Amino acid sequence: AVLDELASHMEVIGVVDNGHDVELHAVRGQATERLLAAAANAEMLVVGARGEGGFKGLRFGSTANQVVRHITVPVLVVPNVPD
């Protein structure tokens, strides 16, 4: 169900049908650790920046912040856009 919802969102914003290879995965575990492990052999990692955690003053969320600090491949942090 999570992957179906994500695929639906990707379609709405036009990511799926623009000729890019996109892989969607749902995993359990600590978010930062899982993202870093998944990106170990990737060309690039794209993460959202919800920033809804308990760390006030961060430009983006704590997970994105930790990923940026420890990633070994290029990373794109997409800011949260209000509805």
N, C-alpha and C. Protein backbone atom coordinates (compact mmCIF):
# COMPACT_ATOMS: atom_id res chain seq x y z
N ALA A 1 0.82 -1.19 0.00
CA ALA A 1 0.00 0.00 0.00
C ALA A 1 0.87 1.26 0.00
N VAL A 2 1.98 1.23 0.74
CA VAL A 2 2.88 2.39 0.81
C VAL A 2 3.47 2.67 -0.57
N LEU A 3 3.92 1.62 -1.26
CA LEU A 3 4.52 1.80 -2.58
C LEU A 3 3.48 2.29 -3.59
N ASP A 4 2.26 1.79 -3.50
CA ASP A 4 1.20 2.26 -4.40
C ASP A 4 0.93 3.74 -4.20
N GLU A 5 0.87 4.18 -2.93
CA GLU A 5 0.63 5.60 -2.65
C GLU A 5 1.79 6.46 -3.15
N LEU A 6 3.01 6.00 -2.93
CA LEU A 6 4.18 6.74 -3.41
C LEU A 6 4.19 6.83 -4.93
N ALA A 7 3.91 5.73 -5.60
CA ALA A 7 3.86 5.73 -7.07
C ALA A 7 2.80 6.71 -7.57
N SER A 8 1.68 6.76 -6.88
CA SER A 8 0.62 7.69 -7.25
C SER A 8 1.09 9.14 -7.13
N HIS A 9 1.79 9.46 -6.03
CA HIS A 9 2.31 10.82 -5.86
C HIS A 9 3.35 11.14 -6.93
N MET A 10 4.18 10.17 -7.28
CA MET A 10 5.20 10.38 -8.30
C MET A 10 4.56 10.68 -9.65
N GLU A 11 3.46 9.98 -9.95
CA GLU A 11 2.73 10.22 -11.19
C GLU A 11 2.17 11.63 -11.22
N VAL A 12 1.58 12.06 -10.12
CA VAL A 12 0.96 13.38 -10.04
C VAL A 12 1.97 14.49 -10.30
N ILE A 13 3.19 14.35 -9.77
CA ILE A 13 4.18 15.41 -9.97
C ILE A 13 5.01 15.22 -11.24
N GLY A 14 4.71 14.16 -12.01
CA GLY A 14 5.34 13.99 -13.32
C GLY A 14 6.71 13.35 -13.31
N VAL A 15 7.06 12.62 -12.28
CA VAL A 15 8.39 12.01 -12.22
C VAL A 15 8.44 10.69 -12.97
N VAL A 16 7.36 9.93 -12.94
CA VAL A 16 7.37 8.56 -13.46
C VAL A 16 7.53 8.50 -14.97
N ASP A 17 6.84 9.32 -15.71
CA ASP A 17 6.81 9.18 -17.16
C ASP A 17 7.71 10.16 -17.90
N ASN A 18 8.82 10.57 -17.30
CA ASN A 18 9.67 11.55 -17.98
C ASN A 18 10.99 10.94 -18.45
N GLY A 19 11.08 9.62 -18.53
CA GLY A 19 12.27 8.98 -19.05
C GLY A 19 13.35 8.69 -18.03
N HIS A 20 13.12 9.00 -16.77
CA HIS A 20 14.10 8.72 -15.72
C HIS A 20 13.83 7.35 -15.11
N ASP A 21 14.88 6.67 -14.73
CA ASP A 21 14.74 5.42 -14.00
C ASP A 21 14.54 5.74 -12.54
N VAL A 22 13.41 5.35 -11.99
CA VAL A 22 13.10 5.60 -10.60
C VAL A 22 12.76 4.28 -9.94
N GLU A 23 13.41 4.00 -8.82
CA GLU A 23 13.11 2.80 -8.04
C GLU A 23 12.46 3.21 -6.74
N LEU A 24 11.37 2.56 -6.40
CA LEU A 24 10.66 2.84 -5.17
C LEU A 24 10.82 1.65 -4.23
N HIS A 25 11.15 1.93 -2.97
CA HIS A 25 11.34 0.88 -1.98
C HIS A 25 10.67 1.28 -0.67
N ALA A 26 10.14 0.30 0.02
CA ALA A 26 9.62 0.50 1.37
C ALA A 26 10.40 -0.43 2.29
N VAL A 27 11.02 0.14 3.32
CA VAL A 27 11.82 -0.66 4.24
C VAL A 27 11.51 -0.25 5.67
N ARG A 28 11.85 -1.13 6.60
CA ARG A 28 11.67 -0.84 8.02
C ARG A 28 13.03 -0.54 8.63
N GLY A 29 13.04 0.31 9.63
CA GLY A 29 14.27 0.60 10.33
C GLY A 29 14.47 2.09 10.53
N GLN A 30 15.61 2.45 11.09
CA GLN A 30 15.95 3.85 11.33
C GLN A 30 16.18 4.52 9.98
N ALA A 31 15.49 5.61 9.72
CA ALA A 31 15.46 6.23 8.39
C ALA A 31 16.84 6.59 7.85
N THR A 32 17.65 7.27 8.64
CA THR A 32 18.97 7.69 8.16
C THR A 32 19.82 6.49 7.78
N GLU A 33 19.88 5.50 8.65
CA GLU A 33 20.68 4.30 8.36
C GLU A 33 20.21 3.60 7.11
N ARG A 34 18.91 3.47 6.95
CA ARG A 34 18.37 2.77 5.78
C ARG A 34 18.63 3.55 4.50
N LEU A 35 18.50 4.87 4.55
CA LEU A 35 18.77 5.69 3.36
C LEU A 35 20.24 5.63 2.95
N LEU A 36 21.12 5.72 3.92
CA LEU A 36 22.56 5.65 3.62
C LEU A 36 22.93 4.29 3.04
N ALA A 37 22.38 3.23 3.58
CA ALA A 37 22.66 1.89 3.05
C ALA A 37 22.11 1.72 1.64
N ALA A 38 20.91 2.22 1.41
CA ALA A 38 20.29 2.10 0.09
C ALA A 38 21.05 2.90 -0.97
N ALA A 39 21.66 4.00 -0.57
CA ALA A 39 22.35 4.87 -1.51
C ALA A 39 23.81 4.51 -1.73
N ALA A 40 24.29 3.50 -1.02
CA ALA A 40 25.72 3.16 -1.08
C ALA A 40 26.23 2.94 -2.50
N ASN A 41 25.43 2.35 -3.36
CA ASN A 41 25.84 2.09 -4.75
C ASN A 41 25.01 2.88 -5.75
N ALA A 42 24.33 3.90 -5.30
CA ALA A 42 23.47 4.70 -6.17
C ALA A 42 24.27 5.82 -6.84
N GLU A 43 23.71 6.35 -7.90
CA GLU A 43 24.30 7.52 -8.55
C GLU A 43 23.94 8.79 -7.81
N MET A 44 22.76 8.78 -7.17
CA MET A 44 22.28 9.97 -6.46
C MET A 44 21.15 9.55 -5.53
N LEU A 45 21.00 10.29 -4.44
CA LEU A 45 19.88 10.08 -3.53
C LEU A 45 19.07 11.35 -3.47
N VAL A 46 17.76 11.21 -3.56
CA VAL A 46 16.85 12.35 -3.43
C VAL A 46 16.00 12.11 -2.21
N VAL A 47 15.99 13.08 -1.30
CA VAL A 47 15.19 12.97 -0.08
C VAL A 47 14.35 14.23 0.10
N GLY A 48 13.25 14.07 0.77
CA GLY A 48 12.42 15.22 1.11
C GLY A 48 12.92 15.87 2.38
N ALA A 49 12.46 17.09 2.62
CA ALA A 49 12.89 17.84 3.80
C ALA A 49 11.67 18.32 4.55
N ARG A 50 10.97 17.39 5.16
CA ARG A 50 9.74 17.77 5.87
C ARG A 50 10.01 18.74 6.99
N GLY A 51 11.00 18.47 7.78
CA GLY A 51 11.32 19.36 8.88
C GLY A 51 10.26 19.43 9.94
N GLU A 52 9.52 18.35 10.15
CA GLU A 52 8.44 18.35 11.14
C GLU A 52 8.86 17.73 12.46
N GLY A 53 10.14 17.43 12.61
CA GLY A 53 10.61 16.82 13.85
C GLY A 53 10.71 17.83 14.97
N GLY A 54 11.35 17.42 16.05
CA GLY A 54 11.42 18.26 17.23
C GLY A 54 12.62 19.18 17.28
N PHE A 55 13.37 19.31 16.19
CA PHE A 55 14.57 20.13 16.20
C PHE A 55 14.28 21.49 15.56
N LYS A 56 13.87 22.43 16.36
CA LYS A 56 13.54 23.76 15.84
C LYS A 56 14.80 24.46 15.34
N GLY A 57 14.62 25.23 14.27
CA GLY A 57 15.74 25.99 13.74
C GLY A 57 16.48 25.30 12.61
N LEU A 58 16.24 24.00 12.41
CA LEU A 58 16.88 23.33 11.28
C LEU A 58 16.21 23.77 9.99
N ARG A 59 17.01 23.95 8.96
CA ARG A 59 16.47 24.35 7.67
C ARG A 59 15.62 23.23 7.08
N PHE A 60 15.97 22.01 7.38
CA PHE A 60 15.16 20.86 6.99
C PHE A 60 15.22 19.82 8.09
N GLY A 61 14.52 18.73 7.93
CA GLY A 61 14.37 17.75 8.99
C GLY A 61 15.66 17.08 9.42
N SER A 62 15.60 16.45 10.59
CA SER A 62 16.80 15.82 11.15
C SER A 62 17.30 14.66 10.32
N THR A 63 16.40 13.92 9.67
CA THR A 63 16.84 12.81 8.82
C THR A 63 17.61 13.34 7.62
N ALA A 64 17.06 14.32 6.92
CA ALA A 64 17.77 14.91 5.78
C ALA A 64 19.10 15.51 6.23
N ASN A 65 19.11 16.13 7.37
CA ASN A 65 20.34 16.73 7.91
C ASN A 65 21.41 15.66 8.12
N GLN A 66 21.05 14.54 8.72
CA GLN A 66 22.01 13.47 8.96
C GLN A 66 22.46 12.81 7.66
N VAL A 67 21.54 12.64 6.72
CA VAL A 67 21.91 12.06 5.42
C VAL A 67 22.95 12.94 4.73
N VAL A 68 22.72 14.23 4.69
CA VAL A 68 23.65 15.15 4.05
C VAL A 68 25.04 15.08 4.71
N ARG A 69 25.08 14.91 6.01
CA ARG A 69 26.35 14.86 6.74
C ARG A 69 27.15 13.57 6.49
N HIS A 70 26.46 12.48 6.15
CA HIS A 70 27.13 11.18 6.09
C HIS A 70 27.09 10.49 4.72
N ILE A 71 26.42 11.05 3.76
CA ILE A 71 26.26 10.41 2.45
C ILE A 71 27.58 10.40 1.67
N THR A 72 27.77 9.38 0.84
CA THR A 72 28.99 9.29 0.02
C THR A 72 28.71 9.51 -1.46
N VAL A 73 27.45 9.78 -1.80
CA VAL A 73 27.07 10.05 -3.19
C VAL A 73 26.36 11.41 -3.22
N PRO A 74 26.17 12.00 -4.40
CA PRO A 74 25.43 13.27 -4.45
C PRO A 74 24.02 13.09 -3.87
N VAL A 75 23.56 14.12 -3.18
CA VAL A 75 22.22 14.07 -2.59
C VAL A 75 21.48 15.36 -2.93
N LEU A 76 20.21 15.23 -3.26
CA LEU A 76 19.34 16.37 -3.51
C LEU A 76 18.28 16.38 -2.42
N VAL A 77 18.20 17.48 -1.67
CA VAL A 77 17.19 17.62 -0.63
C VAL A 77 16.10 18.54 -1.18
N VAL A 78 14.91 17.98 -1.30
CA VAL A 78 13.78 18.73 -1.84
C VAL A 78 12.98 19.31 -0.69
N PRO A 79 12.86 20.64 -0.64
CA PRO A 79 12.15 21.26 0.49
C PRO A 79 10.67 20.96 0.46
N ASN A 80 10.08 20.98 1.64
CA ASN A 80 8.64 20.82 1.77
C ASN A 80 7.95 22.05 1.22
N VAL A 81 7.01 21.84 0.32
CA VAL A 81 6.26 22.97 -0.26
C VAL A 81 4.86 22.95 0.35
N PRO A 82 4.47 24.01 1.04
CA PRO A 82 3.14 24.04 1.66
C PRO A 82 2.05 23.90 0.61
N ASP A 83 0.94 23.26 1.01
CA ASP A 83 -0.22 23.09 0.09
C ASP A 83 -0.85 24.40 -0.25
